[in-house]
Every structure is written in structure tokens, then in C-alpha cells.
Amino acid sequence: MKREELHALIISQLADRLVRLGVEEHELGNGFDLVRSGLLDSLGYIDLVASLEQATGKQVDLEQALETGEATTLNGLYQLFQ
């Protein structure tokens, strides 16, 4: 899956939360941290990863990914699923 497709998928999964919190898509740069920003809590992040796994057909080692400290950023998600 291309980065642009993955980005669109992530945005579609987060659409309701973005509207509720008043976050615009253009504010979501590569370093935007989904958890630290409060957009997602830890369970919401795991749900997002599970949804992306299902959509892409790729399973990720979330425990190992979280050790890097960047897995909760958009760029971290792109790296996990490319």
C-alpha cells in the first residue's frame, strides 16, 4: 500500500475524532503523535493498528514497534505498514 493510500485510510479511521477535537487534516504532519496529542488513547491506538492490519493484510509486531517511541506518530504508522 502506498503512503498516500495509507494516509487516506488513517484519516478516514480518525475522521470522527478529528471533527470532535477540532483538528484539521493539514495539522497532521509526519511527527504528529496520535496518543500524546490526545487524539487517541492507548486502546484507540491499538484499535487503529488492528484496523490497518485488516485493511492492509499486514500484521505488525506492535510490542517491538512501541519500543522505538515513534510508533504512535503518523510517520511511525507509515513505517509499520510499508
PDB file of N, CA and C in Angstrom:
ATOM      1  N   MET A   1       0.848  -1.171   0.000  1.00  0.00           N
ATOM      2  CA  MET A   1       0.000   0.000   0.000  1.00  0.00           C
ATOM      3  C   MET A   1       0.898   1.241   0.000  1.00  0.00           C
ATOM      4  N   LYS A   2       0.580   2.167  -0.873  1.00  0.00           N
ATOM      5  CA  LYS A   2       1.352   3.395  -0.965  1.00  0.00           C
ATOM      6  C   LYS A   2       1.072   4.297   0.240  1.00  0.00           C
ATOM      7  N   ARG A   3       2.037   5.150   0.513  1.00  0.00           N
ATOM      8  CA  ARG A   3       1.940   6.064   1.660  1.00  0.00           C
ATOM      9  C   ARG A   3       0.675   6.922   1.580  1.00  0.00           C
ATOM     10  N   GLU A   4       0.341   7.414   0.404  1.00  0.00           N
ATOM     11  CA  GLU A   4      -0.846   8.261   0.231  1.00  0.00           C
ATOM     12  C   GLU A   4      -2.119   7.480   0.547  1.00  0.00           C
ATOM     13  N   GLU A   5      -2.157   6.229   0.121  1.00  0.00           N
ATOM     14  CA  GLU A   5      -3.315   5.375   0.404  1.00  0.00           C
ATOM     15  C   GLU A   5      -3.422   5.105   1.902  1.00  0.00           C
ATOM     16  N   LEU A   6      -2.295   4.836   2.512  1.00  0.00           N
ATOM     17  CA  LEU A   6      -2.277   4.581   3.949  1.00  0.00           C
ATOM     18  C   LEU A   6      -2.710   5.826   4.713  1.00  0.00           C
ATOM     19  N   HIS A   7      -2.220   6.987   4.284  1.00  0.00           N
ATOM     20  CA  HIS A   7      -2.607   8.245   4.923  1.00  0.00           C
ATOM     21  C   HIS A   7      -4.127   8.439   4.833  1.00  0.00           C
ATOM     22  N   ALA A   8      -4.684   8.220   3.654  1.00  0.00           N
ATOM     23  CA  ALA A   8      -6.136   8.371   3.465  1.00  0.00           C
ATOM     24  C   ALA A   8      -6.906   7.405   4.359  1.00  0.00           C
ATOM     25  N   LEU A   9      -6.401   6.195   4.490  1.00  0.00           N
ATOM     26  CA  LEU A   9      -7.046   5.194   5.343  1.00  0.00           C
ATOM     27  C   LEU A   9      -7.005   5.620   6.810  1.00  0.00           C
ATOM     28  N   ILE A  10      -5.863   6.114   7.252  1.00  0.00           N
ATOM     29  CA  ILE A  10      -5.725   6.579   8.638  1.00  0.00           C
ATOM     30  C   ILE A  10      -6.682   7.737   8.895  1.00  0.00           C
ATOM     31  N   ILE A  11      -6.720   8.705   7.983  1.00  0.00           N
ATOM     32  CA  ILE A  11      -7.594   9.865   8.138  1.00  0.00           C
ATOM     33  C   ILE A  11      -9.053   9.423   8.183  1.00  0.00           C
ATOM     34  N   SER A  12      -9.426   8.475   7.345  1.00  0.00           N
ATOM     35  CA  SER A  12     -10.824   8.010   7.356  1.00  0.00           C
ATOM     36  C   SER A  12     -11.168   7.337   8.682  1.00  0.00           C
ATOM     37  N   GLN A  13     -10.196   6.621   9.261  1.00  0.00           N
ATOM     38  CA  GLN A  13     -10.423   5.968  10.550  1.00  0.00           C
ATOM     39  C   GLN A  13     -10.533   6.987  11.689  1.00  0.00           C
ATOM     40  N   LEU A  14      -9.857   8.114  11.531  1.00  0.00           N
ATOM     41  CA  LEU A  14      -9.825   9.129  12.588  1.00  0.00           C
ATOM     42  C   LEU A  14     -10.821  10.263  12.377  1.00  0.00           C
ATOM     43  N   ALA A  15     -11.566  10.236  11.294  1.00  0.00           N
ATOM     44  CA  ALA A  15     -12.407  11.368  10.894  1.00  0.00           C
ATOM     45  C   ALA A  15     -13.308  11.882  12.013  1.00  0.00           C
ATOM     46  N   ASP A  16     -14.032  11.013  12.674  1.00  0.00           N
ATOM     47  CA  ASP A  16     -14.947  11.442  13.737  1.00  0.00           C
ATOM     48  C   ASP A  16     -14.201  12.112  14.887  1.00  0.00           C
ATOM     49  N   ARG A  17     -13.081  11.537  15.268  1.00  0.00           N
ATOM     50  CA  ARG A  17     -12.294  12.111  16.366  1.00  0.00           C
ATOM     51  C   ARG A  17     -11.714  13.469  15.978  1.00  0.00           C
ATOM     52  N   LEU A  18     -11.266  13.579  14.739  1.00  0.00           N
ATOM     53  CA  LEU A  18     -10.709  14.847  14.274  1.00  0.00           C
ATOM     54  C   LEU A  18     -11.757  15.956  14.350  1.00  0.00           C
ATOM     55  N   VAL A  19     -12.962  15.654  13.927  1.00  0.00           N
ATOM     56  CA  VAL A  19     -14.046  16.638  13.966  1.00  0.00           C
ATOM     57  C   VAL A  19     -14.371  17.004  15.410  1.00  0.00           C
ATOM     58  N   ARG A  20     -14.495  16.003  16.268  1.00  0.00           N
ATOM     59  CA  ARG A  20     -14.830  16.260  17.676  1.00  0.00           C
ATOM     60  C   ARG A  20     -13.812  17.145  18.370  1.00  0.00           C
ATOM     61  N   LEU A  21     -12.541  16.955  18.045  1.00  0.00           N
ATOM     62  CA  LEU A  21     -11.483  17.704  18.705  1.00  0.00           C
ATOM     63  C   LEU A  21     -11.076  18.960  17.936  1.00  0.00           C
ATOM     64  N   GLY A  22     -11.699  19.192  16.794  1.00  0.00           N
ATOM     65  CA  GLY A  22     -11.401  20.381  16.016  1.00  0.00           C
ATOM     66  C   GLY A  22     -10.020  20.372  15.391  1.00  0.00           C
ATOM     67  N   VAL A  23      -9.527  19.196  15.055  1.00  0.00           N
ATOM     68  CA  VAL A  23      -8.214  19.072  14.428  1.00  0.00           C
ATOM     69  C   VAL A  23      -8.423  18.961  12.920  1.00  0.00           C
ATOM     70  N   GLU A  24      -7.725  19.816  12.176  1.00  0.00           N
ATOM     71  CA  GLU A  24      -7.795  19.800  10.718  1.00  0.00           C
ATOM     72  C   GLU A  24      -6.758  18.831  10.164  1.00  0.00           C
ATOM     73  N   GLU A  25      -7.067  18.221   9.036  1.00  0.00           N
ATOM     74  CA  GLU A  25      -6.155  17.252   8.434  1.00  0.00           C
ATOM     75  C   GLU A  25      -4.783  17.863   8.153  1.00  0.00           C
ATOM     76  N   HIS A  26      -4.739  19.110   7.745  1.00  0.00           N
ATOM     77  CA  HIS A  26      -3.451  19.739   7.433  1.00  0.00           C
ATOM     78  C   HIS A  26      -2.558  19.899   8.670  1.00  0.00           C
ATOM     79  N   GLU A  27      -3.116  19.741   9.860  1.00  0.00           N
ATOM     80  CA  GLU A  27      -2.339  19.825  11.097  1.00  0.00           C
ATOM     81  C   GLU A  27      -1.603  18.520  11.402  1.00  0.00           C
ATOM     82  N   LEU A  28      -1.920  17.488  10.669  1.00  0.00           N
ATOM     83  CA  LEU A  28      -1.380  16.155  10.932  1.00  0.00           C
ATOM     84  C   LEU A  28      -0.113  15.911  10.123  1.00  0.00           C
ATOM     85  N   GLY A  29       0.987  16.447  10.592  1.00  0.00           N
ATOM     86  CA  GLY A  29       2.272  16.223   9.945  1.00  0.00           C
ATOM     87  C   GLY A  29       2.832  14.864  10.308  1.00  0.00           C
ATOM     88  N   ASN A  30       3.943  14.515   9.693  1.00  0.00           N
ATOM     89  CA  ASN A  30       4.570  13.211   9.935  1.00  0.00           C
ATOM     90  C   ASN A  30       4.872  12.949  11.401  1.00  0.00           C
ATOM     91  N   GLY A  31       5.241  13.982  12.137  1.00  0.00           N
ATOM     92  CA  GLY A  31       5.598  13.818  13.539  1.00  0.00           C
ATOM     93  C   GLY A  31       4.428  13.925  14.496  1.00  0.00           C
ATOM     94  N   PHE A  32       3.219  14.103  13.976  1.00  0.00           N
ATOM     95  CA  PHE A  32       2.041  14.234  14.828  1.00  0.00           C
ATOM     96  C   PHE A  32       1.854  12.949  15.609  1.00  0.00           C
ATOM     97  N   ASP A  33       1.832  13.057  16.932  1.00  0.00           N
ATOM     98  CA  ASP A  33       1.690  11.886  17.792  1.00  0.00           C
ATOM     99  C   ASP A  33       0.218  11.717  18.159  1.00  0.00           C
ATOM    100  N   LEU A  34      -0.348  10.634  17.716  1.00  0.00           N
ATOM    101  CA  LEU A  34      -1.776  10.383  17.896  1.00  0.00           C
ATOM    102  C   LEU A  34      -2.164  10.202  19.354  1.00  0.00           C
ATOM    103  N   VAL A  35      -1.269   9.659  20.154  1.00  0.00           N
ATOM    104  CA  VAL A  35      -1.563   9.394  21.563  1.00  0.00           C
ATOM    105  C   VAL A  35      -1.214  10.609  22.422  1.00  0.00           C
ATOM    106  N   ARG A  36      -0.020  11.122  22.269  1.00  0.00           N
ATOM    107  CA  ARG A  36       0.399  12.266  23.097  1.00  0.00           C
ATOM    108  C   ARG A  36      -0.454  13.506  22.841  1.00  0.00           C
ATOM    109  N   SER A  37      -0.996  13.610  21.644  1.00  0.00           N
ATOM    110  CA  SER A  37      -1.854  14.755  21.320  1.00  0.00           C
ATOM    111  C   SER A  37      -3.226  14.637  21.974  1.00  0.00           C
ATOM    112  N   GLY A  38      -3.575  13.428  22.410  1.00  0.00           N
ATOM    113  CA  GLY A  38      -4.895  13.186  22.986  1.00  0.00           C
ATOM    114  C   GLY A  38      -5.934  12.778  21.960  1.00  0.00           C
ATOM    115  N   LEU A  39      -5.528  12.694  20.706  1.00  0.00           N
ATOM    116  CA  LEU A  39      -6.467  12.276  19.671  1.00  0.00           C
ATOM    117  C   LEU A  39      -6.931  10.841  19.903  1.00  0.00           C
ATOM    118  N   LEU A  40      -5.992   9.989  20.316  1.00  0.00           N
ATOM    119  CA  LEU A  40      -6.312   8.600  20.647  1.00  0.00           C
ATOM    120  C   LEU A  40      -5.770   8.265  22.028  1.00  0.00           C
ATOM    121  N   ASP A  41      -6.497   7.411  22.737  1.00  0.00           N
ATOM    122  CA  ASP A  41      -5.917   6.832  23.943  1.00  0.00           C
ATOM    123  C   ASP A  41      -5.255   5.523  23.521  1.00  0.00           C
ATOM    124  N   SER A  42      -4.656   4.825  24.452  1.00  0.00           N
ATOM    125  CA  SER A  42      -3.905   3.626  24.090  1.00  0.00           C
ATOM    126  C   SER A  42      -4.791   2.566  23.439  1.00  0.00           C
ATOM    127  N   LEU A  43      -6.000   2.399  23.924  1.00  0.00           N
ATOM    128  CA  LEU A  43      -6.907   1.416  23.325  1.00  0.00           C
ATOM    129  C   LEU A  43      -7.319   1.851  21.923  1.00  0.00           C
ATOM    130  N   GLY A  44      -7.572   3.132  21.751  1.00  0.00           N
ATOM    131  CA  GLY A  44      -7.917   3.651  20.434  1.00  0.00           C
ATOM    132  C   GLY A  44      -6.790   3.438  19.441  1.00  0.00           C
ATOM    133  N   TYR A  45      -5.550   3.596  19.907  1.00  0.00           N
ATOM    134  CA  TYR A  45      -4.394   3.369  19.044  1.00  0.00           C
ATOM    135  C   TYR A  45      -4.329   1.904  18.624  1.00  0.00           C
ATOM    136  N   ILE A  46      -4.527   1.010  19.567  1.00  0.00           N
ATOM    137  CA  ILE A  46      -4.494  -0.425  19.251  1.00  0.00           C
ATOM    138  C   ILE A  46      -5.615  -0.778  18.283  1.00  0.00           C
ATOM    139  N   ASP A  47      -6.786  -0.190  18.474  1.00  0.00           N
ATOM    140  CA  ASP A  47      -7.891  -0.415  17.534  1.00  0.00           C
ATOM    141  C   ASP A  47      -7.536   0.074  16.137  1.00  0.00           C
ATOM    142  N   LEU A  48      -6.875   1.234  16.052  1.00  0.00           N
ATOM    143  CA  LEU A  48      -6.463   1.765  14.760  1.00  0.00           C
ATOM    144  C   LEU A  48      -5.470   0.828  14.086  1.00  0.00           C
ATOM    145  N   VAL A  49      -4.490   0.362  14.831  1.00  0.00           N
ATOM    146  CA  VAL A  49      -3.497  -0.557  14.269  1.00  0.00           C
ATOM    147  C   VAL A  49      -4.178  -1.841  13.790  1.00  0.00           C
ATOM    148  N   ALA A  50      -5.112  -2.375  14.570  1.00  0.00           N
ATOM    149  CA  ALA A  50      -5.827  -3.590  14.171  1.00  0.00           C
ATOM    150  C   ALA A  50      -6.619  -3.354  12.892  1.00  0.00           C
ATOM    151  N   SER A  51      -7.237  -2.203  12.790  1.00  0.00           N
ATOM    152  CA  SER A  51      -7.990  -1.857  11.586  1.00  0.00           C
ATOM    153  C   SER A  51      -7.072  -1.736  10.374  1.00  0.00           C
ATOM    154  N   LEU A  52      -5.906  -1.134  10.572  1.00  0.00           N
ATOM    155  CA  LEU A  52      -4.938  -1.003   9.481  1.00  0.00           C
ATOM    156  C   LEU A  52      -4.370  -2.364   9.079  1.00  0.00           C
ATOM    157  N   GLU A  53      -4.162  -3.230  10.056  1.00  0.00           N
ATOM    158  CA  GLU A  53      -3.699  -4.585   9.751  1.00  0.00           C
ATOM    159  C   GLU A  53      -4.718  -5.306   8.874  1.00  0.00           C
ATOM    160  N   GLN A  54      -5.978  -5.170   9.227  1.00  0.00           N
ATOM    161  CA  GLN A  54      -7.028  -5.824   8.461  1.00  0.00           C
ATOM    162  C   GLN A  54      -7.111  -5.250   7.047  1.00  0.00           C
ATOM    163  N   ALA A  55      -7.018  -3.944   6.924  1.00  0.00           N
ATOM    164  CA  ALA A  55      -7.136  -3.288   5.626  1.00  0.00           C
ATOM    165  C   ALA A  55      -5.939  -3.569   4.716  1.00  0.00           C
ATOM    166  N   THR A  56      -4.752  -3.675   5.309  1.00  0.00           N
ATOM    167  CA  THR A  56      -3.544  -3.864   4.504  1.00  0.00           C
ATOM    168  C   THR A  56      -3.151  -5.324   4.343  1.00  0.00           C
ATOM    169  N   GLY A  57      -3.675  -6.175   5.218  1.00  0.00           N
ATOM    170  CA  GLY A  57      -3.284  -7.581   5.194  1.00  0.00           C
ATOM    171  C   GLY A  57      -1.917  -7.829   5.795  1.00  0.00           C
ATOM    172  N   LYS A  58      -1.379  -6.820   6.455  1.00  0.00           N
ATOM    173  CA  LYS A  58      -0.051  -6.941   7.066  1.00  0.00           C
ATOM    174  C   LYS A  58      -0.179  -6.899   8.579  1.00  0.00           C
ATOM    175  N   GLN A  59       0.476  -7.850   9.250  1.00  0.00           N
ATOM    176  CA  GLN A  59       0.496  -7.842  10.700  1.00  0.00           C
ATOM    177  C   GLN A  59       1.815  -7.250  11.167  1.00  0.00           C
ATOM    178  N   VAL A  60       1.734  -6.448  12.220  1.00  0.00           N
ATOM    179  CA  VAL A  60       2.933  -5.810  12.747  1.00  0.00           C
ATOM    180  C   VAL A  60       3.187  -6.301  14.167  1.00  0.00           C
ATOM    181  N   ASP A  61       4.438  -6.250  14.557  1.00  0.00           N
ATOM    182  CA  ASP A  61       4.818  -6.576  15.921  1.00  0.00           C
ATOM    183  C   ASP A  61       4.707  -5.288  16.724  1.00  0.00           C
ATOM    184  N   LEU A  62       3.564  -5.066  17.318  1.00  0.00           N
ATOM    185  CA  LEU A  62       3.290  -3.806  17.994  1.00  0.00           C
ATOM    186  C   LEU A  62       4.196  -3.600  19.199  1.00  0.00           C
ATOM    187  N   GLU A  63       4.499  -4.651  19.910  1.00  0.00           N
ATOM    188  CA  GLU A  63       5.385  -4.527  21.077  1.00  0.00           C
ATOM    189  C   GLU A  63       6.754  -3.996  20.660  1.00  0.00           C
ATOM    190  N   GLN A  64       7.305  -4.577  19.610  1.00  0.00           N
ATOM    191  CA  GLN A  64       8.605  -4.131  19.123  1.00  0.00           C
ATOM    192  C   GLN A  64       8.502  -2.699  18.575  1.00  0.00           C
ATOM    193  N   ALA A  65       7.429  -2.397  17.874  1.00  0.00           N
ATOM    194  CA  ALA A  65       7.248  -1.064  17.297  1.00  0.00           C
ATOM    195  C   ALA A  65       7.161   0.004  18.379  1.00  0.00           C
ATOM    196  N   LEU A  66       6.490  -0.289  19.469  1.00  0.00           N
ATOM    197  CA  LEU A  66       6.329   0.692  20.531  1.00  0.00           C
ATOM    198  C   LEU A  66       7.637   0.975  21.267  1.00  0.00           C
ATOM    199  N   GLU A  67       8.577   0.076  21.177  1.00  0.00           N
ATOM    200  CA  GLU A  67       9.870   0.288  21.815  1.00  0.00           C
ATOM    201  C   GLU A  67      10.644   1.429  21.167  1.00  0.00           C
ATOM    202  N   THR A  68      10.366   1.721  19.903  1.00  0.00           N
ATOM    203  CA  THR A  68      11.088   2.787  19.200  1.00  0.00           C
ATOM    204  C   THR A  68      10.660   4.163  19.677  1.00  0.00           C
ATOM    205  N   GLY A  69       9.469   4.275  20.220  1.00  0.00           N
ATOM    206  CA  GLY A  69       8.981   5.559  20.699  1.00  0.00           C
ATOM    207  C   GLY A  69       8.334   6.401  19.626  1.00  0.00           C
ATOM    208  N   GLU A  70       8.389   5.960  18.376  1.00  0.00           N
ATOM    209  CA  GLU A  70       7.793   6.728  17.287  1.00  0.00           C
ATOM    210  C   GLU A  70       6.574   6.049  16.679  1.00  0.00           C
ATOM    211  N   ALA A  71       6.211   4.907  17.177  1.00  0.00           N
ATOM    212  CA  ALA A  71       5.134   4.140  16.566  1.00  0.00           C
ATOM    213  C   ALA A  71       3.785   4.834  16.646  1.00  0.00           C
ATOM    214  N   THR A  72       3.620   5.754  17.577  1.00  0.00           N
ATOM    215  CA  THR A  72       2.325   6.427  17.709  1.00  0.00           C
ATOM    216  C   THR A  72       2.246   7.703  16.877  1.00  0.00           C
ATOM    217  N   THR A  73       3.314   8.010  16.124  1.00  0.00           N
ATOM    218  CA  THR A  73       3.271   9.150  15.208  1.00  0.00           C
ATOM    219  C   THR A  73       2.760   8.675  13.855  1.00  0.00           C
ATOM    220  N   LEU A  74       2.331   9.613  13.039  1.00  0.00           N
ATOM    221  CA  LEU A  74       1.897   9.234  11.697  1.00  0.00           C
ATOM    222  C   LEU A  74       3.038   8.604  10.918  1.00  0.00           C
ATOM    223  N   ASN A  75       4.224   9.184  11.005  1.00  0.00           N
ATOM    224  CA  ASN A  75       5.367   8.618  10.309  1.00  0.00           C
ATOM    225  C   ASN A  75       5.663   7.205  10.806  1.00  0.00           C
ATOM    226  N   GLY A  76       5.526   6.987  12.108  1.00  0.00           N
ATOM    227  CA  GLY A  76       5.728   5.659  12.667  1.00  0.00           C
ATOM    228  C   GLY A  76       4.741   4.652  12.102  1.00  0.00           C
ATOM    229  N   LEU A  77       3.489   5.069  11.944  1.00  0.00           N
ATOM    230  CA  LEU A  77       2.494   4.183  11.344  1.00  0.00           C
ATOM    231  C   LEU A  77       2.823   3.889   9.889  1.00  0.00           C
ATOM    232  N   TYR A  78       3.253   4.917   9.161  1.00  0.00           N
ATOM    233  CA  TYR A  78       3.637   4.694   7.760  1.00  0.00           C
ATOM    234  C   TYR A  78       4.738   3.653   7.679  1.00  0.00           C
ATOM    235  N   GLN A  79       5.710   3.758   8.561  1.00  0.00           N
ATOM    236  CA  GLN A  79       6.823   2.813   8.542  1.00  0.00           C
ATOM    237  C   GLN A  79       6.382   1.410   8.915  1.00  0.00           C
ATOM    238  N   LEU A  80       5.449   1.299   9.844  1.00  0.00           N
ATOM    239  CA  LEU A  80       4.965  -0.020  10.240  1.00  0.00           C
ATOM    240  C   LEU A  80       4.270  -0.757   9.096  1.00  0.00           C
ATOM    241  N   PHE A  81       3.566  -0.009   8.262  1.00  0.00           N
ATOM    242  CA  PHE A  81       2.724  -0.647   7.251  1.00  0.00           C
ATOM    243  C   PHE A  81       3.252  -0.541   5.829  1.00  0.00           C
ATOM    244  N   GLN A  82       4.503  -0.103   5.672  1.00  0.00           N
ATOM    245  CA  GLN A  82       5.075  -0.078   4.318  1.00  0.00           C
ATOM    246  C   GLN A  82       6.156  -1.102   4.178  1.00  0.00           C
TER     247      GLN A  82
END
